[in-house]
Protein backbone atom coordinates (compact mmCIF):
# COMPACT_ATOMS: atom_id res chain seq x y z
CA MET A 1 0.00 0.00 0.00
CA ASN A 2 1.12 3.56 -0.68
CA THR A 3 1.55 6.10 2.07
CA PRO A 4 -1.99 7.45 2.63
CA ALA A 5 -2.61 10.82 1.04
CA ILE A 6 -4.76 11.66 4.09
CA ASP A 7 -3.87 9.79 7.26
CA ILE A 8 -6.14 10.59 10.22
CA THR A 9 -5.04 8.77 13.36
CA ASN A 10 -6.98 8.53 16.66
CA LEU A 11 -8.29 12.05 16.14
CA SER A 12 -10.34 13.62 18.93
CA LYS A 13 -11.64 17.12 19.52
CA THR A 14 -13.40 18.21 22.72
CA TYR A 15 -14.75 21.68 23.44
CA GLY A 16 -14.57 22.75 27.07
CA PRO A 17 -13.22 20.76 30.01
CA THR A 18 -16.28 18.51 30.37
CA GLY A 19 -17.90 18.72 26.93
CA ALA A 20 -18.76 15.70 24.82
CA PRO A 21 -16.22 15.12 22.05
CA ALA A 22 -17.16 16.54 18.66
CA VAL A 23 -14.73 14.04 17.15
CA ASP A 24 -14.05 10.84 19.09
CA ASP A 25 -11.01 8.69 18.19
CA VAL A 26 -11.46 8.90 14.41
CA SER A 27 -8.97 7.05 12.22
CA LEU A 28 -9.12 7.07 8.41
CA ALA A 29 -6.46 6.15 5.83
CA ILE A 30 -7.30 7.59 2.41
CA GLN A 31 -5.13 6.35 -0.44
CA PRO A 32 -3.81 8.61 -3.23
CA GLY A 33 -6.16 9.16 -6.15
CA THR A 34 -9.25 8.17 -4.14
CA VAL A 35 -12.55 10.03 -4.08
CA PHE A 36 -13.55 9.46 -0.46
CA GLY A 37 -17.07 10.21 0.77
CA PHE A 38 -17.33 11.32 4.40
CA LEU A 39 -20.96 11.17 5.48
CA GLY A 40 -22.96 11.86 8.60
CA PRO A 41 -25.90 13.85 9.96
CA ASN A 42 -25.49 17.49 10.96
CA GLY A 43 -23.32 17.80 14.05
CA ALA A 44 -21.73 14.38 13.59
CA GLY A 45 -18.17 15.73 13.40
CA LYS A 46 -17.54 15.91 9.63
CA THR A 47 -16.71 19.61 9.39
CA THR A 48 -14.67 19.56 12.61
CA THR A 49 -12.55 16.74 11.18
CA ILE A 50 -12.04 18.61 7.91
CA LYS A 51 -11.11 21.86 9.68
CA ILE A 52 -8.49 20.01 11.72
CA ALA A 53 -7.12 18.49 8.51
CA ALA A 54 -7.03 21.96 6.96
CA GLY A 55 -5.11 23.38 9.93
CA LEU A 56 -7.96 25.62 11.05
CA LEU A 57 -8.60 23.80 14.34
CA THR A 58 -6.23 22.07 16.73
CA ALA A 59 -6.99 18.51 17.75
CA THR A 60 -7.33 17.61 21.41
CA SER A 61 -5.48 14.38 20.65
CA GLY A 62 -4.41 12.37 17.63
CA GLY A 63 -3.34 13.92 14.37
CA VAL A 64 -3.55 14.27 10.60
CA ARG A 65 -0.84 13.75 8.01
CA LEU A 66 -1.14 14.92 4.40
CA ASN A 67 1.14 12.91 2.13
CA GLY A 68 3.27 12.15 5.17
CA PHE A 69 3.47 15.72 6.53
CA ASP A 70 2.02 16.24 10.01
CA VAL A 71 -0.48 19.12 10.00
CA ARG A 72 0.57 20.23 13.48
CA THR A 73 4.37 19.85 13.44
CA ARG A 74 5.06 20.44 9.73
CA ARG A 75 2.24 22.83 8.96
CA ALA A 76 3.78 24.65 5.98
CA ALA A 77 4.69 21.44 4.19
CA ALA A 78 1.29 19.89 4.95
CA MET A 79 -0.62 22.94 3.74
CA SER A 80 1.35 22.92 0.47
CA GLN A 81 -0.36 19.58 -0.25
CA LEU A 82 -3.85 20.92 0.25
CA GLY A 83 -6.67 22.85 -1.37
CA ALA A 84 -9.96 23.25 0.49
CA VAL A 85 -13.50 24.56 0.05
CA LEU A 86 -15.34 24.74 3.36
CA GLU A 87 -19.08 24.88 3.92
CA GLY A 88 -20.51 28.22 5.01
CA SER A 89 -17.20 30.03 4.70
CA ARG A 90 -16.19 32.86 2.45
CA ASN A 91 -13.50 30.87 0.73
CA VAL A 92 -12.62 33.83 -1.52
CA TYR A 93 -12.58 37.62 -1.13
CA TRP A 94 -15.82 39.13 -2.37
CA THR A 95 -14.32 42.60 -2.86
CA LEU A 96 -11.81 41.20 -5.35
CA SER A 97 -12.53 40.03 -8.86
CA ALA A 98 -12.45 36.36 -9.82
CA TRP A 99 -9.13 36.97 -11.58
CA GLN A 100 -7.62 38.78 -8.60
CA ASN A 101 -8.73 36.02 -6.23
CA LEU A 102 -7.11 33.24 -8.21
CA VAL A 103 -3.85 35.10 -8.77
CA TYR A 104 -3.74 36.09 -5.08
CA PHE A 105 -4.28 32.54 -3.82
CA GLY A 106 -1.78 31.20 -6.31
CA ARG A 107 0.85 33.65 -5.08
CA LEU A 108 -0.09 32.85 -1.47
CA LYS A 109 0.70 29.20 -2.22
CA GLY A 110 4.14 30.15 -3.51
CA MET A 111 3.48 30.23 -7.25
CA ARG A 112 5.37 32.63 -9.48
CA LYS A 113 3.22 35.43 -10.84
CA ALA A 114 3.32 34.22 -14.44
CA ALA A 115 2.41 30.66 -13.40
CA ALA A 116 -0.45 31.90 -11.20
CA ARG A 117 -1.83 34.04 -14.04
CA SER A 118 -1.61 31.15 -16.53
CA ARG A 119 -3.31 28.73 -14.16
CA ALA A 120 -6.03 31.28 -13.31
CA ALA A 121 -6.76 31.77 -17.00
CA ASP A 122 -7.13 28.02 -17.55
CA LEU A 123 -9.44 27.54 -14.57
CA LEU A 124 -11.69 30.51 -15.36
CA THR A 125 -12.01 29.34 -18.95
CA GLU A 126 -12.94 25.81 -17.86
CA LEU A 127 -15.64 27.24 -15.58
CA ASP A 128 -17.11 29.59 -18.21
CA LEU A 129 -16.13 32.61 -16.09
CA TRP A 130 -13.49 34.10 -18.37
CA ASP A 131 -15.74 36.85 -19.73
CA ARG A 132 -16.56 37.96 -16.16
CA ARG A 133 -13.10 37.54 -14.70
CA HIS A 134 -12.73 41.23 -13.81
CA GLU A 135 -16.07 41.49 -11.95
CA LYS A 136 -16.14 41.45 -8.16
CA VAL A 137 -17.05 38.05 -6.74
CA GLY A 138 -19.51 39.67 -4.31
CA GLY A 139 -21.78 40.43 -7.25
CA PHE A 140 -21.81 36.86 -8.51
CA SER A 141 -24.58 34.33 -7.97
CA ARG A 142 -24.10 31.67 -5.28
CA GLY A 143 -23.19 29.12 -7.92
CA MET A 144 -20.61 31.37 -9.56
CA GLN A 145 -19.07 32.20 -6.18
CA GLN A 146 -18.74 28.49 -5.47
CA LYS A 147 -17.06 27.93 -8.82
CA VAL A 148 -14.50 30.63 -7.99
CA ALA A 149 -13.94 29.10 -4.55
CA ILE A 150 -13.24 25.68 -6.06
CA ALA A 151 -10.92 27.25 -8.63
CA ALA A 152 -9.06 29.09 -5.86
CA ALA A 153 -8.61 25.79 -4.02
CA LEU A 154 -7.14 24.23 -7.16
CA VAL A 155 -5.05 27.12 -8.49
CA ALA A 156 -1.77 25.80 -7.02
CA ASP A 157 -2.56 22.30 -8.31
CA PRO A 158 -2.58 20.61 -4.85
CA PRO A 159 -2.54 16.78 -4.71
CA VAL A 160 -5.16 16.70 -1.91
CA VAL A 161 -8.51 18.51 -2.05
CA LEU A 162 -11.05 18.85 0.77
CA LEU A 163 -14.57 19.64 -0.40
CA ASP A 164 -17.12 20.30 2.35
CA GLU A 165 -20.61 20.52 0.76
CA PRO A 166 -19.22 21.88 -2.55
CA THR A 167 -22.61 21.85 -4.31
CA LEU A 168 -24.61 23.52 -1.53
CA GLY A 169 -26.94 26.09 -3.08
CA LEU A 170 -25.93 25.29 -6.66
CA ASP A 171 -28.39 24.78 -9.50
CA VAL A 172 -28.48 21.60 -11.57
CA ALA A 173 -26.05 22.83 -14.22
CA ALA A 174 -23.49 24.09 -11.70
CA THR A 175 -23.80 20.87 -9.69
CA ARG A 176 -23.07 18.84 -12.80
CA THR A 177 -19.99 21.00 -13.49
CA VAL A 178 -18.67 20.31 -9.99
CA LYS A 179 -19.37 16.57 -10.33
CA ASN A 180 -17.51 16.43 -13.62
CA TRP A 181 -14.61 18.31 -12.09
CA ILE A 182 -14.36 15.90 -9.16
CA ALA A 183 -14.34 12.91 -11.49
CA THR A 184 -11.69 14.51 -13.70
CA LEU A 185 -9.49 15.56 -10.78
CA SER A 186 -9.34 11.97 -9.55
CA ALA A 187 -9.35 9.91 -12.75
CA ASP A 188 -7.22 12.14 -14.98
CA GLN A 189 -5.06 14.08 -12.51
CA GLY A 190 -4.68 11.53 -9.70
CA LYS A 191 -5.82 13.90 -6.96
CA THR A 192 -7.18 12.69 -3.66
CA ILE A 193 -10.62 14.11 -2.85
CA LEU A 194 -12.25 14.10 0.59
CA LEU A 195 -15.89 14.95 -0.04
CA THR A 196 -18.70 15.68 2.39
CA THR A 197 -22.20 16.21 1.07
CA HIS A 198 -25.83 15.42 1.84
CA GLN A 199 -26.33 14.52 -1.84
CA LEU A 200 -25.93 10.77 -1.43
CA ASP A 201 -26.54 10.08 -5.11
CA MET A 202 -23.46 12.18 -5.82
CA VAL A 203 -21.42 10.11 -3.36
CA GLU A 204 -22.68 6.87 -4.87
CA GLU A 205 -21.79 8.11 -8.34
CA LEU A 206 -18.31 9.48 -7.58
CA CYS A 207 -16.81 7.93 -4.45
CA ASP A 208 -14.52 4.89 -4.38
CA ARG A 209 -14.86 4.55 -0.62
CA VAL A 210 -17.28 5.85 2.01
CA ALA A 211 -17.01 6.44 5.74
CA VAL A 212 -20.01 7.30 7.92
CA ILE A 213 -19.60 9.23 11.17
CA ARG A 214 -22.19 9.56 13.92
CA ASP A 215 -21.80 11.27 17.30
CA GLY A 216 -18.13 11.87 16.52
CA ARG A 217 -17.32 8.21 15.82
CA VAL A 218 -16.80 6.41 12.52
CA ILE A 219 -19.38 3.61 12.30
CA ALA A 220 -18.60 2.44 8.75
CA ASP A 221 -15.59 2.67 6.44
CA GLN A 222 -15.67 0.51 3.30
CA PRO A 223 -15.41 0.61 -0.49
CA THR A 224 -18.72 1.93 -1.79
CA THR A 225 -19.70 -1.31 -3.52
CA GLU A 226 -18.97 -3.36 -0.39
CA LEU A 227 -20.95 -1.00 1.81
CA LEU A 228 -23.95 -1.28 -0.50
CA SER A 229 -23.70 -5.08 -0.61
CA ARG A 230 -23.35 -5.29 3.17
CA PHE A 231 -26.97 -4.19 3.65
CA ARG A 232 -28.54 -6.32 0.94
CA ARG A 233 -30.41 -8.80 3.13
CA ARG A 234 -32.92 -9.89 0.50
CA ASP A 235 -33.05 -9.57 -3.27
CA THR A 236 -35.34 -6.89 -4.66
CA TYR A 237 -36.69 -7.26 -8.19
CA GLU A 238 -38.63 -4.94 -10.48
CA ILE A 239 -40.76 -6.34 -13.27
CA ARG A 240 -42.15 -3.84 -15.78
CA VAL A 241 -45.09 -4.99 -17.90
CA GLU A 242 -47.53 -3.51 -20.36
CA GLY A 243 -51.08 -2.76 -19.29
CA GLY A 244 -52.66 -1.85 -15.97
CA PRO A 245 -52.62 -3.70 -12.63
CA ASP A 246 -56.14 -5.03 -13.33
CA GLN A 247 -54.70 -7.28 -16.05
CA LEU A 248 -52.33 -9.06 -13.67
CA PRO A 249 -52.87 -12.40 -11.93
CA LEU A 250 -53.06 -12.47 -8.15
CA LEU A 251 -49.57 -11.55 -6.93
CA PRO A 252 -47.83 -13.70 -4.32
CA GLY A 253 -46.99 -12.23 -0.92
CA GLY A 254 -44.19 -9.71 -0.92
CA PHE A 255 -45.03 -8.31 -4.37
CA THR A 256 -46.80 -5.02 -5.10
CA ALA A 257 -47.96 -3.50 -8.37
CA VAL A 258 -48.10 0.23 -9.23
CA ARG A 259 -49.24 1.81 -12.48
CA ASP A 260 -46.29 3.34 -14.33
CA GLY A 261 -47.46 5.46 -17.28
CA ASP A 262 -49.07 3.11 -19.76
CA GLY A 263 -47.70 0.07 -17.97
CA THR A 264 -47.23 -1.40 -14.50
CA THR A 265 -44.20 -1.89 -12.25
CA ILE A 266 -44.23 -4.96 -10.00
CA THR A 267 -41.79 -4.86 -7.08
CA GLY A 268 -40.93 -7.68 -4.72
CA ASP A 269 -38.44 -8.54 -1.97
CA VAL A 270 -37.71 -12.24 -2.19
CA ALA A 271 -35.49 -14.75 -0.41
CA ASP A 272 -35.42 -17.14 -3.38
CA PRO A 273 -35.17 -16.00 -7.05
CA GLN A 274 -37.40 -18.95 -8.01
CA GLN A 275 -40.31 -16.87 -6.67
CA VAL A 276 -39.61 -14.32 -9.40
CA TYR A 277 -39.35 -16.95 -12.13
CA ALA A 278 -42.65 -18.50 -11.01
CA LEU A 279 -44.35 -15.08 -11.18
CA VAL A 280 -42.95 -14.46 -14.67
CA ASP A 281 -44.40 -17.80 -15.80
CA ARG A 282 -47.83 -16.80 -14.44
CA LEU A 283 -47.62 -13.45 -16.23
CA ARG A 284 -46.87 -15.19 -19.51
CA GLU A 285 -49.81 -17.55 -18.99
CA ARG A 286 -52.02 -14.45 -18.75
CA ARG A 287 -50.35 -13.12 -21.93
CA VAL A 288 -49.00 -10.10 -20.06
CA VAL A 289 -46.18 -8.51 -22.09
CA LEU A 290 -42.94 -8.11 -20.14
CA ARG A 291 -40.89 -4.98 -20.74
CA SER A 292 -38.03 -5.62 -18.33
CA LEU A 293 -36.87 -7.59 -15.31
CA THR A 294 -34.15 -6.08 -13.12
CA GLN A 295 -32.57 -6.79 -9.76
CA VAL A 296 -32.52 -3.60 -7.69
CA GLN A 297 -29.53 -2.90 -5.46
CA PRO A 298 -29.93 -0.89 -2.25
CA GLY A 299 -29.00 2.76 -2.70
CA LEU A 300 -26.61 4.66 -0.47
CA GLU A 301 -29.55 6.55 1.02
CA ASP A 302 -31.03 3.23 2.18
CA VAL A 303 -27.69 2.23 3.71
CA PHE A 304 -27.24 5.60 5.41
CA MET A 305 -30.71 5.54 6.97
CA THR A 306 -30.14 1.97 8.19
CA LEU A 307 -26.88 2.99 9.87
CA MET A 308 -28.56 5.97 11.53
CA LYS A 309 -31.21 3.67 13.02
CA GLU A 310 -28.78 1.15 14.47
CA PRO A 311 -28.30 1.26 18.27
CA ARG A 312 -25.55 3.57 19.50
CA HIS A 313 -22.54 1.86 21.03
CA VAL A 314 -20.88 3.50 24.01
């Protein structure tokens, strides 16, 4: 295994002398080039963990290393590895233009002026902001401001990127742009992405691995496909047929039928696939035309809600 790009070890953060820990002994090893989803309800400890990783908060115990550099003891070297967009923060200066922001943050990261200007031009062009590059960011829409913030995080081409709710408040088109960027940053540029979001479909689409945190503790940490399979207790099938539900034979227990446009969708949770085959045979006997038969996998939203309902362990 490579040295983790993000290595979080026994991380804890407590506010006040007797307060409950916001982060409680969290350990995560995120390999280079991974898109890592970090999920949890509000107040679970996600943002606190990310702020510690970004050097904005000090851990009570434990630590974070970015590509081997300790955030606390080798701060400058660690921060050179990192770009971050944090939820609810003004990640860029609203009184400056988009162009000025990107050049400023590039220079702040140690880039030469010519390199910062070239990189800023490329990023603003990719985000369709070139024609408005000299306008103040404070006058931009929420989506445009977020685009500039993400560009500012990437201007120095960091190998590690922290994205805390990067699509919050964005419209569909802007959200798709951010999704495409995340996929490209990982697949084509080999960057490591730590992503928090409440858009679980986005996590399912993009993330190689997912961790779930609740009450400051990590309660799941697995490759996305394994996490989805872990909660598949029975097989769910969908059978789409032509015609309305009134044309169907009596359905066996566990199956339901709902009109779907000019057809019907039959859904069933079964322990034995033979139950599905038997139903298909009965449908054919009634001359019901089958459109499709698919096995439905549990979605990440289903997994997340199941984890949230499990008993808490002290």
